[in-house]
Amino acid sequence: MGDMKDSETYVVRSLERVAIRLRESTFAQAGWRMIIDSESGDDAITLVDGPDGAFFRGEGIFLGRPQHELRATYERLNKPAAEPDFDLPQLG
């Protein structure tokens, strides 16, 4: 497992809806898998909509990280792009 560095740059490659099977469930759960490019390689954080609420699973450099770290990184990287100000011209 690689070391996660505060100064490391993360770039979201994709965010995709996935089906996830949990050991304690007979049904597949839905989740959002964020594939992240970093200096360490390809990594991912998956937000799982579990039966007891949402939780995060890490892959690559994020494997084994605590929930609060995964949540903070996922939320920071999942911010929508800044939209330009919408300005209506005054007519008449």
PDB file of N, CA and C in Angstrom:
ATOM      1  N   MET A   1       0.849  -1.177   0.000  1.00  0.00           N
ATOM      2  CA  MET A   1       0.000   0.000   0.000  1.00  0.00           C
ATOM      3  C   MET A   1       0.888   1.231   0.000  1.00  0.00           C
ATOM      4  N   GLY A   2       0.604   2.174  -0.910  1.00  0.00           N
ATOM      5  CA  GLY A   2       1.401   3.386  -0.995  1.00  0.00           C
ATOM      6  C   GLY A   2       1.043   4.358   0.104  1.00  0.00           C
ATOM      7  N   ASP A   3       1.913   5.318   0.289  1.00  0.00           N
ATOM      8  CA  ASP A   3       1.650   6.349   1.274  1.00  0.00           C
ATOM      9  C   ASP A   3       0.895   7.486   0.622  1.00  0.00           C
ATOM     10  N   MET A   4      -0.165   7.948   1.278  1.00  0.00           N
ATOM     11  CA  MET A   4      -0.947   9.054   0.772  1.00  0.00           C
ATOM     12  C   MET A   4      -0.290  10.333   1.260  1.00  0.00           C
ATOM     13  N   LYS A   5       0.021  11.254   0.345  1.00  0.00           N
ATOM     14  CA  LYS A   5       0.692  12.497   0.697  1.00  0.00           C
ATOM     15  C   LYS A   5      -0.285  13.644   0.565  1.00  0.00           C
ATOM     16  N   ASP A   6      -0.216  14.597   1.503  1.00  0.00           N
ATOM     17  CA  ASP A   6      -1.083  15.767   1.438  1.00  0.00           C
ATOM     18  C   ASP A   6      -0.803  16.598   0.191  1.00  0.00           C
ATOM     19  N   SER A   7       0.447  16.598  -0.276  1.00  0.00           N
ATOM     20  CA  SER A   7       0.815  17.428  -1.411  1.00  0.00           C
ATOM     21  C   SER A   7       0.551  16.742  -2.750  1.00  0.00           C
ATOM     22  N   GLU A   8       0.126  15.487  -2.724  1.00  0.00           N
ATOM     23  CA  GLU A   8      -0.098  14.749  -3.965  1.00  0.00           C
ATOM     24  C   GLU A   8      -1.296  15.326  -4.713  1.00  0.00           C
ATOM     25  N   THR A   9      -1.185  15.353  -6.030  1.00  0.00           N
ATOM     26  CA  THR A   9      -2.235  15.892  -6.880  1.00  0.00           C
ATOM     27  C   THR A   9      -3.143  14.764  -7.343  1.00  0.00           C
ATOM     28  N   TYR A  10      -4.449  14.962  -7.178  1.00  0.00           N
ATOM     29  CA  TYR A  10      -5.444  13.991  -7.619  1.00  0.00           C
ATOM     30  C   TYR A  10      -6.282  14.611  -8.720  1.00  0.00           C
ATOM     31  N   VAL A  11      -6.539  13.835  -9.778  1.00  0.00           N
ATOM     32  CA  VAL A  11      -7.380  14.288 -10.882  1.00  0.00           C
ATOM     33  C   VAL A  11      -8.436  13.213 -11.123  1.00  0.00           C
ATOM     34  N   VAL A  12      -9.699  13.620 -11.123  1.00  0.00           N
ATOM     35  CA  VAL A  12     -10.786  12.678 -11.360  1.00  0.00           C
ATOM     36  C   VAL A  12     -10.825  12.331 -12.843  1.00  0.00           C
ATOM     37  N   ARG A  13     -10.668  11.056 -13.142  1.00  0.00           N
ATOM     38  CA  ARG A  13     -10.748  10.588 -14.534  1.00  0.00           C
ATOM     39  C   ARG A  13     -12.199  10.330 -14.912  1.00  0.00           C
ATOM     40  N   SER A  14     -12.952   9.689 -13.994  1.00  0.00           N
ATOM     41  CA  SER A  14     -14.356   9.424 -14.290  1.00  0.00           C
ATOM     42  C   SER A  14     -15.128   9.188 -13.001  1.00  0.00           C
ATOM     43  N   LEU A  15     -16.435   9.360 -13.102  1.00  0.00           N
ATOM     44  CA  LEU A  15     -17.366   9.077 -12.012  1.00  0.00           C
ATOM     45  C   LEU A  15     -18.473   8.253 -12.641  1.00  0.00           C
ATOM     46  N   GLU A  16     -18.597   7.000 -12.187  1.00  0.00           N
ATOM     47  CA  GLU A  16     -19.562   6.105 -12.829  1.00  0.00           C
ATOM     48  C   GLU A  16     -20.422   5.385 -11.799  1.00  0.00           C
ATOM     49  N   ARG A  17     -21.654   5.107 -12.185  1.00  0.00           N
ATOM     50  CA  ARG A  17     -22.594   4.363 -11.338  1.00  0.00           C
ATOM     51  C   ARG A  17     -22.231   2.893 -11.441  1.00  0.00           C
ATOM     52  N   VAL A  18     -22.139   2.207 -10.296  1.00  0.00           N
ATOM     53  CA  VAL A  18     -21.760   0.797 -10.282  1.00  0.00           C
ATOM     54  C   VAL A  18     -22.673   0.019  -9.348  1.00  0.00           C
ATOM     55  N   ALA A  19     -22.785  -1.279  -9.597  1.00  0.00           N
ATOM     56  CA  ALA A  19     -23.493  -2.194  -8.693  1.00  0.00           C
ATOM     57  C   ALA A  19     -22.439  -2.885  -7.828  1.00  0.00           C
ATOM     58  N   ILE A  20     -22.708  -2.978  -6.533  1.00  0.00           N
ATOM     59  CA  ILE A  20     -21.740  -3.536  -5.588  1.00  0.00           C
ATOM     60  C   ILE A  20     -22.413  -4.618  -4.760  1.00  0.00           C
ATOM     61  N   ARG A  21     -21.751  -5.757  -4.651  1.00  0.00           N
ATOM     62  CA  ARG A  21     -22.249  -6.840  -3.792  1.00  0.00           C
ATOM     63  C   ARG A  21     -21.516  -6.784  -2.461  1.00  0.00           C
ATOM     64  N   LEU A  22     -22.273  -6.746  -1.382  1.00  0.00           N
ATOM     65  CA  LEU A  22     -21.709  -6.777  -0.042  1.00  0.00           C
ATOM     66  C   LEU A  22     -21.892  -8.170   0.534  1.00  0.00           C
ATOM     67  N   ARG A  23     -20.950  -8.614   1.346  1.00  0.00           N
ATOM     68  CA  ARG A  23     -21.034  -9.959   1.931  1.00  0.00           C
ATOM     69  C   ARG A  23     -22.300 -10.172   2.744  1.00  0.00           C
ATOM     70  N   GLU A  24     -22.720  -9.132   3.461  1.00  0.00           N
ATOM     71  CA  GLU A  24     -23.870  -9.282   4.354  1.00  0.00           C
ATOM     72  C   GLU A  24     -25.214  -9.079   3.659  1.00  0.00           C
ATOM     73  N   SER A  25     -25.212  -8.863   2.341  1.00  0.00           N
ATOM     74  CA  SER A  25     -26.450  -8.599   1.620  1.00  0.00           C
ATOM     75  C   SER A  25     -26.633  -9.590   0.470  1.00  0.00           C
ATOM     76  N   THR A  26     -27.886  -9.986   0.245  1.00  0.00           N
ATOM     77  CA  THR A  26     -28.175 -10.877  -0.879  1.00  0.00           C
ATOM     78  C   THR A  26     -28.445 -10.085  -2.152  1.00  0.00           C
ATOM     79  N   PHE A  27     -28.619  -8.785  -2.025  1.00  0.00           N
ATOM     80  CA  PHE A  27     -28.889  -7.923  -3.166  1.00  0.00           C
ATOM     81  C   PHE A  27     -27.709  -7.014  -3.449  1.00  0.00           C
ATOM     82  N   ALA A  28     -27.564  -6.630  -4.694  1.00  0.00           N
ATOM     83  CA  ALA A  28     -26.522  -5.675  -5.068  1.00  0.00           C
ATOM     84  C   ALA A  28     -26.931  -4.277  -4.594  1.00  0.00           C
ATOM     85  N   GLN A  29     -25.971  -3.525  -4.163  1.00  0.00           N
ATOM     86  CA  GLN A  29     -26.176  -2.143  -3.731  1.00  0.00           C
ATOM     87  C   GLN A  29     -25.685  -1.219  -4.846  1.00  0.00           C
ATOM     88  N   ALA A  30     -26.208  -0.016  -4.886  1.00  0.00           N
ATOM     89  CA  ALA A  30     -25.757   0.959  -5.867  1.00  0.00           C
ATOM     90  C   ALA A  30     -24.655   1.819  -5.275  1.00  0.00           C
ATOM     91  N   GLY A  31     -23.780   2.298  -6.120  1.00  0.00           N
ATOM     92  CA  GLY A  31     -22.716   3.164  -5.655  1.00  0.00           C
ATOM     93  C   GLY A  31     -22.169   4.025  -6.773  1.00  0.00           C
ATOM     94  N   TRP A  32     -21.336   4.992  -6.395  1.00  0.00           N
ATOM     95  CA  TRP A  32     -20.655   5.857  -7.345  1.00  0.00           C
ATOM     96  C   TRP A  32     -19.161   5.626  -7.189  1.00  0.00           C
ATOM     97  N   ARG A  33     -18.510   5.180  -8.270  1.00  0.00           N
ATOM     98  CA  ARG A  33     -17.072   4.896  -8.242  1.00  0.00           C
ATOM     99  C   ARG A  33     -16.335   6.030  -8.934  1.00  0.00           C
ATOM    100  N   MET A  34     -15.492   6.712  -8.166  1.00  0.00           N
ATOM    101  CA  MET A  34     -14.690   7.811  -8.676  1.00  0.00           C
ATOM    102  C   MET A  34     -13.291   7.267  -8.966  1.00  0.00           C
ATOM    103  N   ILE A  35     -12.922   7.217 -10.236  1.00  0.00           N
ATOM    104  CA  ILE A  35     -11.585   6.759 -10.608  1.00  0.00           C
ATOM    105  C   ILE A  35     -10.677   7.984 -10.629  1.00  0.00           C
ATOM    106  N   ILE A  36      -9.565   7.872  -9.907  1.00  0.00           N
ATOM    107  CA  ILE A  36      -8.693   9.015  -9.664  1.00  0.00           C
ATOM    108  C   ILE A  36      -7.291   8.710 -10.166  1.00  0.00           C
ATOM    109  N   ASP A  37      -6.750   9.624 -10.956  1.00  0.00           N
ATOM    110  CA  ASP A  37      -5.350   9.539 -11.368  1.00  0.00           C
ATOM    111  C   ASP A  37      -4.522  10.312 -10.355  1.00  0.00           C
ATOM    112  N   SER A  38      -3.405   9.712  -9.936  1.00  0.00           N
ATOM    113  CA  SER A  38      -2.502  10.371  -9.006  1.00  0.00           C
ATOM    114  C   SER A  38      -1.072  10.035  -9.389  1.00  0.00           C
ATOM    115  N   GLU A  39      -0.139  10.622  -8.684  1.00  0.00           N
ATOM    116  CA  GLU A  39       1.269  10.326  -8.924  1.00  0.00           C
ATOM    117  C   GLU A  39       1.574   8.865  -8.627  1.00  0.00           C
ATOM    118  N   SER A  40       0.751   8.228  -7.796  1.00  0.00           N
ATOM    119  CA  SER A  40       0.953   6.832  -7.410  1.00  0.00           C
ATOM    120  C   SER A  40       0.360   5.852  -8.413  1.00  0.00           C
ATOM    121  N   GLY A  41      -0.472   6.336  -9.338  1.00  0.00           N
ATOM    122  CA  GLY A  41      -1.114   5.448 -10.309  1.00  0.00           C
ATOM    123  C   GLY A  41      -2.617   5.640 -10.306  1.00  0.00           C
ATOM    124  N   ASP A  42      -3.330   4.599 -10.714  1.00  0.00           N
ATOM    125  CA  ASP A  42      -4.789   4.633 -10.767  1.00  0.00           C
ATOM    126  C   ASP A  42      -5.359   4.198  -9.419  1.00  0.00           C
ATOM    127  N   ASP A  43      -6.218   5.005  -8.870  1.00  0.00           N
ATOM    128  CA  ASP A  43      -6.836   4.745  -7.576  1.00  0.00           C
ATOM    129  C   ASP A  43      -8.331   4.991  -7.712  1.00  0.00           C
ATOM    130  N   ALA A  44      -9.098   4.639  -6.687  1.00  0.00           N
ATOM    131  CA  ALA A  44     -10.545   4.883  -6.745  1.00  0.00           C
ATOM    132  C   ALA A  44     -11.118   4.983  -5.337  1.00  0.00           C
ATOM    133  N   ILE A  45     -12.193   5.743  -5.237  1.00  0.00           N
ATOM    134  CA  ILE A  45     -13.013   5.809  -4.031  1.00  0.00           C
ATOM    135  C   ILE A  45     -14.441   5.557  -4.489  1.00  0.00           C
ATOM    136  N   THR A  46     -15.111   4.602  -3.833  1.00  0.00           N
ATOM    137  CA  THR A  46     -16.489   4.286  -4.171  1.00  0.00           C
ATOM    138  C   THR A  46     -17.394   4.685  -3.017  1.00  0.00           C
ATOM    139  N   LEU A  47     -18.424   5.459  -3.335  1.00  0.00           N
ATOM    140  CA  LEU A  47     -19.467   5.817  -2.377  1.00  0.00           C
ATOM    141  C   LEU A  47     -20.551   4.767  -2.518  1.00  0.00           C
ATOM    142  N   VAL A  48     -20.777   3.973  -1.465  1.00  0.00           N
ATOM    143  CA  VAL A  48     -21.734   2.875  -1.486  1.00  0.00           C
ATOM    144  C   VAL A  48     -22.990   3.277  -0.726  1.00  0.00           C
ATOM    145  N   ASP A  49     -24.151   3.093  -1.342  1.00  0.00           N
ATOM    146  CA  ASP A  49     -25.430   3.328  -0.681  1.00  0.00           C
ATOM    147  C   ASP A  49     -25.827   2.028   0.005  1.00  0.00           C
ATOM    148  N   GLY A  50     -25.274   1.773   1.180  1.00  0.00           N
ATOM    149  CA  GLY A  50     -25.504   0.524   1.897  1.00  0.00           C
ATOM    150  C   GLY A  50     -26.811   0.501   2.655  1.00  0.00           C
ATOM    151  N   PRO A  51     -27.204  -0.674   3.156  1.00  0.00           N
ATOM    152  CA  PRO A  51     -28.469  -0.809   3.889  1.00  0.00           C
ATOM    153  C   PRO A  51     -28.492  -0.011   5.194  1.00  0.00           C
ATOM    154  N   ASP A  52     -27.328   0.246   5.760  1.00  0.00           N
ATOM    155  CA  ASP A  52     -27.243   1.014   7.013  1.00  0.00           C
ATOM    156  C   ASP A  52     -26.769   2.441   6.776  1.00  0.00           C
ATOM    157  N   GLY A  53     -26.850   2.911   5.549  1.00  0.00           N
ATOM    158  CA  GLY A  53     -26.406   4.258   5.213  1.00  0.00           C
ATOM    159  C   GLY A  53     -25.210   4.219   4.283  1.00  0.00           C
ATOM    160  N   ALA A  54     -24.801   5.381   3.843  1.00  0.00           N
ATOM    161  CA  ALA A  54     -23.699   5.486   2.891  1.00  0.00           C
ATOM    162  C   ALA A  54     -22.360   5.300   3.596  1.00  0.00           C
ATOM    163  N   PHE A  55     -21.414   4.680   2.861  1.00  0.00           N
ATOM    164  CA  PHE A  55     -20.041   4.559   3.340  1.00  0.00           C
ATOM    165  C   PHE A  55     -19.115   4.528   2.137  1.00  0.00           C
ATOM    166  N   PHE A  56     -17.821   4.633   2.382  1.00  0.00           N
ATOM    167  CA  PHE A  56     -16.831   4.722   1.323  1.00  0.00           C
ATOM    168  C   PHE A  56     -15.904   3.518   1.344  1.00  0.00           C
ATOM    169  N   ARG A  57     -15.472   3.097   0.129  1.00  0.00           N
ATOM    170  CA  ARG A  57     -14.467   2.039  -0.025  1.00  0.00           C
ATOM    171  C   ARG A  57     -13.339   2.595  -0.870  1.00  0.00           C
ATOM    172  N   GLY A  58     -12.112   2.359  -0.441  1.00  0.00           N
ATOM    173  CA  GLY A  58     -10.966   2.862  -1.175  1.00  0.00           C
ATOM    174  C   GLY A  58     -10.238   1.766  -1.921  1.00  0.00           C
ATOM    175  N   GLU A  59      -9.614   2.128  -3.035  1.00  0.00           N
ATOM    176  CA  GLU A  59      -8.785   1.219  -3.818  1.00  0.00           C
ATOM    177  C   GLU A  59      -7.450   1.914  -4.091  1.00  0.00           C
ATOM    178  N   GLY A  60      -6.420   1.126  -4.308  1.00  0.00           N
ATOM    179  CA  GLY A  60      -5.101   1.696  -4.577  1.00  0.00           C
ATOM    180  C   GLY A  60      -4.585   2.419  -3.350  1.00  0.00           C
ATOM    181  N   ILE A  61      -4.172   3.651  -3.528  1.00  0.00           N
ATOM    182  CA  ILE A  61      -3.607   4.430  -2.422  1.00  0.00           C
ATOM    183  C   ILE A  61      -4.634   4.692  -1.318  1.00  0.00           C
ATOM    184  N   PHE A  62      -5.918   4.597  -1.637  1.00  0.00           N
ATOM    185  CA  PHE A  62      -6.974   4.861  -0.661  1.00  0.00           C
ATOM    186  C   PHE A  62      -7.407   3.619   0.124  1.00  0.00           C
ATOM    187  N   LEU A  63      -6.871   2.463  -0.211  1.00  0.00           N
ATOM    188  CA  LEU A  63      -7.226   1.217   0.467  1.00  0.00           C
ATOM    189  C   LEU A  63      -6.855   1.287   1.941  1.00  0.00           C
ATOM    190  N   GLY A  64      -7.816   0.994   2.799  1.00  0.00           N
ATOM    191  CA  GLY A  64      -7.570   0.964   4.238  1.00  0.00           C
ATOM    192  C   GLY A  64      -7.614   2.317   4.917  1.00  0.00           C
ATOM    193  N   ARG A  65      -7.908   3.358   4.185  1.00  0.00           N
ATOM    194  CA  ARG A  65      -7.983   4.695   4.792  1.00  0.00           C
ATOM    195  C   ARG A  65      -9.269   4.826   5.595  1.00  0.00           C
ATOM    196  N   PRO A  66      -9.253   5.624   6.664  1.00  0.00           N
ATOM    197  CA  PRO A  66     -10.463   5.801   7.478  1.00  0.00           C
ATOM    198  C   PRO A  66     -11.572   6.515   6.696  1.00  0.00           C
ATOM    199  N   GLN A  67     -12.806   6.279   7.130  1.00  0.00           N
ATOM    200  CA  GLN A  67     -13.975   6.839   6.462  1.00  0.00           C
ATOM    201  C   GLN A  67     -13.902   8.368   6.344  1.00  0.00           C
ATOM    202  N   HIS A  68     -13.459   9.052   7.383  1.00  0.00           N
ATOM    203  CA  HIS A  68     -13.434  10.518   7.331  1.00  0.00           C
ATOM    204  C   HIS A  68     -12.464  11.030   6.261  1.00  0.00           C
ATOM    205  N   GLU A  69     -11.350  10.342   6.043  1.00  0.00           N
ATOM    206  CA  GLU A  69     -10.406  10.735   4.987  1.00  0.00           C
ATOM    207  C   GLU A  69     -10.998  10.474   3.605  1.00  0.00           C
ATOM    208  N   LEU A  70     -11.624   9.297   3.436  1.00  0.00           N
ATOM    209  CA  LEU A  70     -12.230   8.972   2.150  1.00  0.00           C
ATOM    210  C   LEU A  70     -13.350   9.953   1.823  1.00  0.00           C
ATOM    211  N   ARG A  71     -14.182  10.251   2.803  1.00  0.00           N
ATOM    212  CA  ARG A  71     -15.291  11.200   2.604  1.00  0.00           C
ATOM    213  C   ARG A  71     -14.763  12.580   2.216  1.00  0.00           C
ATOM    214  N   ALA A  72     -13.770  13.071   2.934  1.00  0.00           N
ATOM    215  CA  ALA A  72     -13.225  14.407   2.661  1.00  0.00           C
ATOM    216  C   ALA A  72     -12.621  14.483   1.260  1.00  0.00           C
ATOM    217  N   THR A  73     -11.874  13.460   0.858  1.00  0.00           N
ATOM    218  CA  THR A  73     -11.259  13.452  -0.469  1.00  0.00           C
ATOM    219  C   THR A  73     -12.321  13.344  -1.551  1.00  0.00           C
ATOM    220  N   TYR A  74     -13.303  12.459  -1.371  1.00  0.00           N
ATOM    221  CA  TYR A  74     -14.386  12.280  -2.345  1.00  0.00           C
ATOM    222  C   TYR A  74     -15.154  13.586  -2.520  1.00  0.00           C
ATOM    223  N   GLU A  75     -15.524  14.219  -1.427  1.00  0.00           N
ATOM    224  CA  GLU A  75     -16.307  15.453  -1.499  1.00  0.00           C
ATOM    225  C   GLU A  75     -15.496  16.591  -2.117  1.00  0.00           C
ATOM    226  N   ARG A  76     -14.216  16.671  -1.790  1.00  0.00           N
ATOM    227  CA  ARG A  76     -13.364  17.724  -2.350  1.00  0.00           C
ATOM    228  C   ARG A  76     -13.235  17.566  -3.862  1.00  0.00           C
ATOM    229  N   LEU A  77     -13.069  16.325  -4.335  1.00  0.00           N
ATOM    230  CA  LEU A  77     -12.892  16.073  -5.761  1.00  0.00           C
ATOM    231  C   LEU A  77     -14.204  16.060  -6.539  1.00  0.00           C
ATOM    232  N   ASN A  78     -15.325  15.936  -5.853  1.00  0.00           N
ATOM    233  CA  ASN A  78     -16.620  15.829  -6.525  1.00  0.00           C
ATOM    234  C   ASN A  78     -17.347  17.166  -6.606  1.00  0.00           C
ATOM    235  N   LYS A  79     -16.633  18.246  -6.447  1.00  0.00           N
ATOM    236  CA  LYS A  79     -17.259  19.560  -6.553  1.00  0.00           C
ATOM    237  C   LYS A  79     -17.572  19.853  -8.015  1.00  0.00           C
ATOM    238  N   PRO A  80     -18.761  20.409  -8.291  1.00  0.00           N
ATOM    239  CA  PRO A  80     -19.091  20.744  -9.677  1.00  0.00           C
ATOM    240  C   PRO A  80     -18.179  21.857 -10.194  1.00  0.00           C
ATOM    241  N   ALA A  81     -17.953  21.845 -11.491  1.00  0.00           N
ATOM    242  CA  ALA A  81     -17.138  22.894 -12.099  1.00  0.00           C
ATOM    243  C   ALA A  81     -17.834  24.239 -11.918  1.00  0.00           C
ATOM    244  N   ALA A  82     -17.034  25.258 -11.733  1.00  0.00           N
ATOM    245  CA  ALA A  82     -17.600  26.592 -11.569  1.00  0.00           C
ATOM    246  C   ALA A  82     -18.292  27.010 -12.855  1.00  0.00           C
ATOM    247  N   GLU A  83     -19.524  27.451 -12.714  1.00  0.00           N
ATOM    248  CA  GLU A  83     -20.291  27.883 -13.877  1.00  0.00           C
ATOM    249  C   GLU A  83     -20.170  29.395 -14.025  1.00  0.00           C
ATOM    250  N   PRO A  84     -20.130  29.874 -15.264  1.00  0.00           N
ATOM    251  CA  PRO A  84     -20.063  31.324 -15.445  1.00  0.00           C
ATOM    252  C   PRO A  84     -21.343  31.971 -14.948  1.00  0.00           C
ATOM    253  N   ASP A  85     -21.221  33.216 -14.520  1.00  0.00           N
ATOM    254  CA  ASP A  85     -22.397  33.949 -14.059  1.00  0.00           C
ATOM    255  C   ASP A  85     -23.397  34.078 -15.199  1.00  0.00           C
ATOM    256  N   PHE A  86     -24.646  33.857 -14.880  1.00  0.00           N
ATOM    257  CA  PHE A  86     -25.717  33.954 -15.868  1.00  0.00           C
ATOM    258  C   PHE A  86     -26.254  35.374 -15.824  1.00  0.00           C
ATOM    259  N   ASP A  87     -26.155  36.062 -16.945  1.00  0.00           N
ATOM    260  CA  ASP A  87     -26.562  37.462 -16.986  1.00  0.00           C
ATOM    261  C   ASP A  87     -27.579  37.653 -18.110  1.00  0.00           C
ATOM    262  N   LEU A  88     -28.750  38.124 -17.757  1.00  0.00           N
ATOM    263  CA  LEU A  88     -29.772  38.415 -18.766  1.00  0.00           C
ATOM    264  C   LEU A  88     -29.651  39.871 -19.180  1.00  0.00           C
ATOM    265  N   PRO A  89     -29.495  40.108 -20.488  1.00  0.00           N
ATOM    266  CA  PRO A  89     -29.419  41.505 -20.926  1.00  0.00           C
ATOM    267  C   PRO A  89     -30.791  42.184 -20.777  1.00  0.00           C
ATOM    268  N   GLN A  90     -30.769  43.426 -20.443  1.00  0.00           N
ATOM    269  CA  GLN A  90     -32.010  44.185 -20.292  1.00  0.00           C
ATOM    270  C   GLN A  90     -32.458  44.639 -21.664  1.00  0.00           C
ATOM    271  N   LEU A  91     -33.645  44.228 -22.054  1.00  0.00           N
ATOM    272  CA  LEU A  91     -34.173  44.599 -23.364  1.00  0.00           C
ATOM    273  C   LEU A  91     -35.210  45.681 -23.215  1.00  0.00           C
ATOM    274  N   GLY A  92     -35.151  46.673 -24.099  1.00  0.00           N
ATOM    275  CA  GLY A  92     -36.182  47.712 -24.158  1.00  0.00           C
ATOM    276  C   GLY A  92     -36.007  48.847 -23.288  1.00  0.00           C
TER     277      GLY A  92
END
